[in-house]
Amino acid sequence: MDREIKARWVAALRSGEYEQGRGSLRMGDAFCCLGVLCDIAVKDGVIGEPTIEEGEYAYGRFMEKGVLPTEVEVWSGLHIDDPVVITDNSDSYPLSESLSTLNDEGMSFEEIAEFIEDQL
């Protein structure tokens, strides 16, 4: 992942500026952790303003609502629409989860920011 974009994403997650939501990139004023990265991409002009339908935001050319648009994947250097991190490495078989799953299961932005900082 691009270091500068990662630093900005982590800082945004920790800033308190974003209300955390679940189930979609953005619903009303609440963002998934991936939605925060999409918001940064919009501010940088990487993708246009999202389309809003019944409070749910859709981003990018293919109107993504739950995963990163291709344009954001490429710009950020992630090259995956829902990054996966190792959440438990204590057994012989490490456990991993996607960031959207961690977000939707209630992990805080601060905790998610730590995984991004350490693993992406």
Protein backbone atom coordinates (compact mmCIF):
# COMPACT_ATOMS: atom_id res chain seq x y z
CA MET A 1 0.00 0.00 0.00
CA ASP A 2 1.15 3.53 -0.73
CA ARG A 3 2.73 4.85 2.50
CA GLU A 4 1.33 8.37 2.30
CA ILE A 5 -2.21 7.20 1.59
CA LYS A 6 -1.96 4.63 4.39
CA ALA A 7 -0.81 7.31 6.84
CA ARG A 8 -3.71 9.57 5.83
CA TRP A 9 -6.23 6.71 6.11
CA VAL A 10 -4.98 5.70 9.56
CA ALA A 11 -5.01 9.34 10.70
CA ALA A 12 -8.57 9.78 9.41
CA LEU A 13 -9.75 6.65 11.23
CA ARG A 14 -8.22 7.95 14.46
CA SER A 15 -9.34 11.55 14.00
CA GLY A 16 -12.81 11.24 15.48
CA GLU A 17 -14.10 13.06 12.37
CA TYR A 18 -15.89 9.97 11.07
CA GLU A 19 -18.85 8.24 12.69
CA GLN A 20 -18.48 4.48 12.37
CA GLY A 21 -21.23 2.59 10.59
CA ARG A 22 -21.76 -0.97 9.47
CA GLY A 23 -23.07 -2.83 6.44
CA SER A 24 -22.03 -0.44 3.66
CA LEU A 25 -19.25 1.97 2.72
CA ARG A 26 -21.39 4.85 3.91
CA MET A 27 -24.95 5.19 5.09
CA GLY A 28 -25.97 8.75 5.92
CA ASP A 29 -23.18 10.19 8.07
CA ALA A 30 -21.81 6.79 9.17
CA PHE A 31 -18.80 5.21 7.42
CA CYS A 32 -17.27 1.75 7.23
CA CYS A 33 -13.46 1.82 7.52
CA LEU A 34 -13.32 1.31 3.73
CA GLY A 35 -15.75 4.16 3.25
CA VAL A 36 -13.30 6.46 5.02
CA LEU A 37 -10.68 5.60 2.38
CA CYS A 38 -13.29 6.27 -0.32
CA ASP A 39 -13.98 9.67 1.22
CA ILE A 40 -10.28 10.51 1.08
CA ALA A 41 -10.23 9.40 -2.58
CA VAL A 42 -13.18 11.70 -3.34
CA LYS A 43 -11.43 14.63 -1.66
CA ASP A 44 -8.30 13.89 -3.75
CA GLY A 45 -10.31 13.74 -6.99
CA VAL A 46 -9.56 10.06 -7.60
CA ILE A 47 -13.26 9.29 -7.88
CA GLY A 48 -16.24 11.55 -8.22
CA GLU A 49 -18.79 12.36 -5.57
CA PRO A 50 -20.80 9.27 -4.64
CA THR A 51 -24.35 8.65 -5.75
CA ILE A 52 -26.80 8.56 -2.87
CA GLU A 53 -29.89 6.34 -2.91
CA GLU A 54 -32.05 6.02 0.20
CA GLY A 55 -29.15 7.24 2.34
CA GLU A 56 -26.67 4.66 1.02
CA TYR A 57 -23.63 5.92 -0.88
CA ALA A 58 -22.26 4.26 -4.02
CA TYR A 59 -18.69 4.98 -5.17
CA GLY A 60 -16.72 4.70 -8.39
CA ARG A 61 -17.52 3.63 -11.91
CA PHE A 62 -19.28 0.45 -10.80
CA MET A 63 -21.20 2.13 -7.96
CA GLU A 64 -19.65 0.06 -5.17
CA LYS A 65 -21.53 0.07 -1.87
CA GLY A 66 -19.66 -2.54 0.19
CA VAL A 67 -16.11 -2.83 -1.12
CA LEU A 68 -13.48 -0.49 -2.53
CA PRO A 69 -13.98 0.65 -6.11
CA THR A 70 -11.26 -0.45 -8.51
CA GLU A 71 -10.09 3.14 -8.89
CA VAL A 72 -9.46 3.39 -5.14
CA GLU A 73 -7.72 0.00 -5.03
CA VAL A 74 -5.26 1.07 -7.73
CA TRP A 75 -4.72 4.61 -6.36
CA SER A 76 -4.04 3.33 -2.84
CA GLY A 77 -1.78 0.49 -3.96
CA LEU A 78 -3.96 -2.12 -2.25
CA HIS A 79 -5.08 -3.97 -5.41
CA ILE A 80 -7.84 -5.73 -3.47
CA ASP A 81 -11.36 -4.54 -2.82
CA ASP A 82 -11.51 -5.66 0.83
CA PRO A 83 -8.06 -6.07 2.42
CA VAL A 84 -7.46 -9.03 4.72
CA VAL A 85 -5.37 -8.90 7.90
CA ILE A 86 -4.20 -11.54 10.36
CA THR A 87 -6.19 -11.12 13.55
CA ASP A 88 -4.78 -13.97 15.64
CA ASN A 89 -1.41 -15.58 15.11
CA SER A 90 -1.31 -17.62 18.32
CA ASP A 91 -2.20 -21.01 16.79
CA SER A 92 -0.49 -22.97 14.06
CA TYR A 93 -3.20 -21.69 11.71
CA PRO A 94 -3.37 -17.88 11.82
CA LEU A 95 -6.84 -16.39 11.71
CA SER A 96 -7.52 -13.67 9.17
CA GLU A 97 -10.48 -11.43 8.41
CA SER A 98 -11.32 -8.76 5.92
CA LEU A 99 -11.40 -5.17 7.13
CA SER A 100 -15.10 -4.86 6.30
CA THR A 101 -15.89 -7.93 8.41
CA LEU A 102 -13.92 -6.56 11.35
CA ASN A 103 -15.73 -3.24 10.96
CA ASP A 104 -19.17 -4.85 10.68
CA GLU A 105 -18.53 -7.11 13.68
CA GLY A 106 -17.92 -4.05 15.85
CA MET A 107 -14.16 -3.54 15.91
CA SER A 108 -13.39 0.14 16.54
CA PHE A 109 -11.73 2.41 14.00
CA GLU A 110 -8.74 2.65 16.36
CA GLU A 111 -8.30 -1.14 16.39
CA ILE A 112 -8.71 -1.35 12.63
CA ALA A 113 -6.19 1.48 12.18
CA GLU A 114 -3.64 -0.59 14.14
CA PHE A 115 -4.09 -3.55 11.77
CA ILE A 116 -3.76 -1.27 8.74
CA GLU A 117 -0.65 0.38 10.17
CA ASP A 118 1.02 -2.93 11.03
CA GLN A 119 0.01 -5.13 8.09
CA LEU A 120 -0.84 -3.16 4.98
